[in-house]
Amino acid sequence: MSNVVVITTSLRAKSNSDILAEQLISGAKDAGHNVEHISLKGKSIGFCIGCLVCQKTQRCVLRDDAVQIAEKVKNADTLVFVTPIYYYEMSGQMKTLLDRLNPLYSSDYKFRRVYMLSTAAEDEEYVPEKAVSGLQGWVDCFEKAELAGSLFCGGISDPGQSAEKGDELSEAYKFGKALQ
């Protein structure tokens, strides 16, 4: 099977997206994948300064946790980004990390499939569209990769509430089990 890197981007304790990510990871492991979970909680990730040195060196000039995360992303077969939806968009931490993964653009990256799991207090179907579109924009920069799927679990707002949502927990597990 493949090497999967799951990156959870919520910084909140008892995060609903983290609870659902645990189910996704369980499903992926049950499907035979090797899974590494990276949480952005406690990580130091500065903003991209736009110097573009990384396009020549394939390394960021900033020295923080994004450098090690980029190396793990580069060597994964499959990526899963897990984010809460804030104001109809991915979390700021996720966007900052995507910007800092710019050194991978000119590298010999392995990943081919990218997925997204998102959660929000709102439950309308359109809620994750801008977040998915933002991730699609990042994926479009990597011509060997594709956005292979997304799962949205809405109507979840209170910390830890997703642990009580049997249907959403089951969907997250199935989503993980179906990763390629």
Protein backbone atom coordinates (compact mmCIF):
# COMPACT_ATOMS: atom_id res chain seq x y z
CA MET A 1 0.00 0.00 0.00
CA SER A 2 1.08 3.61 0.19
CA ASN A 3 2.77 5.90 2.67
CA VAL A 4 0.14 8.38 3.85
CA VAL A 5 0.85 11.62 5.68
CA VAL A 6 -2.15 13.09 7.50
CA ILE A 7 -1.71 16.72 8.55
CA THR A 8 -4.19 18.05 11.09
CA THR A 9 -4.30 21.84 11.21
CA SER A 10 -6.62 22.73 14.09
CA LEU A 11 -4.96 24.25 17.13
CA ARG A 12 -8.01 23.79 19.38
CA ALA A 13 -8.04 21.27 22.22
CA LYS A 14 -10.63 18.50 21.67
CA SER A 15 -10.75 19.53 18.02
CA ASN A 16 -13.59 18.01 16.03
CA SER A 17 -11.38 17.71 12.98
CA ASP A 18 -8.76 15.84 15.06
CA ILE A 19 -11.39 13.39 16.33
CA LEU A 20 -12.53 12.69 12.78
CA ALA A 21 -8.90 12.45 11.62
CA GLU A 22 -8.35 9.66 14.16
CA GLN A 23 -11.12 7.70 12.45
CA LEU A 24 -9.68 8.43 9.01
CA ILE A 25 -6.27 7.22 10.20
CA SER A 26 -7.81 4.06 11.63
CA GLY A 27 -9.52 3.34 8.30
CA ALA A 28 -6.31 3.99 6.35
CA LYS A 29 -4.31 1.66 8.62
CA ASP A 30 -7.00 -1.02 8.33
CA ALA A 31 -6.67 -0.73 4.55
CA GLY A 32 -2.96 -1.54 4.89
CA HIS A 33 -1.43 1.93 4.50
CA ASN A 34 1.54 3.17 6.48
CA VAL A 35 0.25 6.35 8.13
CA GLU A 36 2.13 9.22 9.74
CA HIS A 37 0.09 11.83 11.57
CA ILE A 38 1.45 15.36 11.85
CA SER A 39 -0.43 17.84 14.03
CA LEU A 40 0.32 21.54 13.68
CA LYS A 41 -0.43 21.99 17.40
CA GLY A 42 2.71 23.26 19.08
CA LYS A 43 4.57 23.68 15.80
CA SER A 44 6.40 26.86 14.88
CA ILE A 45 5.60 27.75 11.27
CA GLY A 46 6.43 31.24 10.08
CA PHE A 47 4.95 33.01 7.11
CA CYS A 48 6.58 32.64 3.70
CA ILE A 49 8.63 35.76 2.97
CA GLY A 50 8.41 35.35 -0.81
CA CYS A 51 12.15 35.34 -1.45
CA LEU A 52 11.89 32.36 -3.86
CA VAL A 53 15.35 31.09 -2.87
CA CYS A 54 13.68 27.72 -2.38
CA GLN A 55 13.03 27.44 -6.10
CA LYS A 56 16.78 27.18 -6.65
CA THR A 57 17.83 25.35 -3.47
CA GLN A 58 14.66 23.30 -2.76
CA ARG A 59 15.04 24.41 0.87
CA CYS A 60 13.41 27.24 2.75
CA VAL A 61 15.68 29.89 4.25
CA LEU A 62 13.47 30.00 7.36
CA ARG A 63 14.40 27.44 10.00
CA ASP A 64 11.30 26.19 11.79
CA ASP A 65 9.04 23.15 11.87
CA ALA A 66 7.85 23.66 8.28
CA VAL A 67 11.21 22.41 7.00
CA GLN A 68 10.79 18.95 8.56
CA ILE A 69 7.12 18.78 7.58
CA ALA A 70 8.02 19.60 3.96
CA GLU A 71 10.47 16.69 3.88
CA LYS A 72 7.78 14.29 5.11
CA VAL A 73 5.28 15.65 2.59
CA LYS A 74 7.83 15.31 -0.21
CA ASN A 75 8.35 11.61 0.53
CA ALA A 76 4.70 10.63 1.03
CA ASP A 77 2.66 8.86 -1.64
CA THR A 78 -0.62 10.29 -0.37
CA LEU A 79 -1.41 13.46 1.56
CA VAL A 80 -4.47 14.19 3.67
CA PHE A 81 -5.05 17.71 4.97
CA VAL A 82 -7.54 17.98 7.82
CA THR A 83 -8.94 21.42 8.60
CA PRO A 84 -11.74 23.17 10.38
CA ILE A 85 -13.56 25.64 8.15
CA TYR A 86 -13.24 29.21 9.39
CA TYR A 87 -15.23 31.86 7.54
CA TYR A 88 -15.82 29.42 4.67
CA GLU A 89 -12.10 28.81 4.14
CA MET A 90 -9.32 26.50 5.36
CA SER A 91 -7.63 27.36 8.64
CA GLY A 92 -4.91 30.01 8.56
CA GLN A 93 -2.38 27.47 9.82
CA MET A 94 -3.12 25.22 6.84
CA LYS A 95 -2.74 28.07 4.35
CA THR A 96 0.53 29.14 5.98
CA LEU A 97 1.86 25.58 5.74
CA LEU A 98 0.81 25.26 2.09
CA ASP A 99 2.73 28.47 1.33
CA ARG A 100 5.78 27.11 3.15
CA LEU A 101 5.69 23.91 1.08
CA ASN A 102 6.86 25.99 -1.89
CA PRO A 103 10.33 24.33 -1.89
CA LEU A 104 8.61 21.14 -3.07
CA TYR A 105 7.43 22.76 -6.31
CA SER A 106 10.77 22.29 -8.07
CA SER A 107 11.70 19.08 -6.25
CA ASP A 108 11.25 15.42 -7.11
CA TYR A 109 8.22 15.02 -4.84
CA LYS A 110 6.59 11.58 -4.50
CA PHE A 111 3.01 12.45 -3.61
CA ARG A 112 0.40 11.85 -6.30
CA ARG A 113 -2.88 11.94 -4.41
CA VAL A 114 -4.10 14.69 -2.10
CA TYR A 115 -7.27 14.55 0.01
CA MET A 116 -9.07 16.92 2.38
CA LEU A 117 -11.23 16.28 5.43
CA SER A 118 -12.99 19.38 6.75
CA THR A 119 -15.41 20.23 9.54
CA ALA A 120 -17.58 23.26 10.29
CA ALA A 121 -20.39 24.50 12.47
CA GLU A 122 -22.42 25.18 9.34
CA ASP A 123 -23.75 22.17 7.51
CA GLU A 124 -24.79 23.47 4.10
CA GLU A 125 -23.24 21.63 1.16
CA TYR A 126 -21.47 24.75 -0.16
CA VAL A 127 -19.56 25.45 3.10
CA PRO A 128 -16.26 23.72 2.16
CA GLU A 129 -16.16 24.92 -1.47
CA LYS A 130 -13.63 27.72 -0.97
CA ALA A 131 -11.37 25.57 1.20
CA VAL A 132 -11.43 22.79 -1.39
CA SER A 133 -10.79 25.36 -4.12
CA GLY A 134 -7.82 26.74 -2.18
CA LEU A 135 -6.31 23.28 -1.81
CA GLN A 136 -7.02 22.58 -5.49
CA GLY A 137 -5.05 25.72 -6.36
CA TRP A 138 -2.08 24.38 -4.41
CA VAL A 139 -2.39 20.92 -5.99
CA ASP A 140 -2.59 22.47 -9.47
CA CYS A 141 0.98 23.69 -8.98
CA PHE A 142 2.16 20.06 -8.75
CA GLU A 143 1.49 18.57 -12.17
CA LYS A 144 2.12 14.98 -11.05
CA ALA A 145 -0.48 15.26 -8.26
CA GLU A 146 -4.27 15.39 -8.14
CA LEU A 147 -6.89 16.35 -5.61
CA ALA A 148 -8.35 12.87 -5.30
CA GLY A 149 -11.23 13.56 -2.92
CA SER A 150 -12.67 15.47 -0.01
CA LEU A 151 -15.02 14.77 2.86
CA PHE A 152 -16.98 17.49 4.65
CA CYS A 153 -18.59 16.94 8.04
CA GLY A 154 -20.79 19.89 8.94
CA GLY A 155 -23.07 20.83 11.79
CA ILE A 156 -20.31 20.28 14.36
CA SER A 157 -19.33 23.26 16.51
CA ASP A 158 -18.75 22.51 20.19
CA PRO A 159 -15.31 21.16 21.15
CA GLY A 160 -15.37 17.36 21.08
CA GLN A 161 -18.88 17.22 19.61
CA SER A 162 -17.77 15.05 16.67
CA ALA A 163 -17.10 12.18 19.09
CA GLU A 164 -20.90 11.91 19.46
CA LYS A 165 -21.59 11.95 15.70
CA GLY A 166 -21.75 8.29 14.71
CA ASP A 167 -22.51 8.92 11.03
CA GLU A 168 -19.63 11.37 10.62
CA LEU A 169 -17.21 9.09 12.50
CA SER A 170 -18.22 6.23 10.21
CA GLU A 171 -17.83 8.42 7.10
CA ALA A 172 -14.35 9.51 8.20
CA TYR A 173 -13.33 5.87 8.75
CA LYS A 174 -14.65 4.86 5.31
CA PHE A 175 -12.91 7.85 3.73
CA GLY A 176 -9.62 6.72 5.28
CA LYS A 177 -10.17 3.12 4.24
CA ALA A 178 -10.77 4.22 0.63
CA LEU A 179 -7.54 6.26 0.34
CA GLN A 180 -5.29 5.17 -2.49
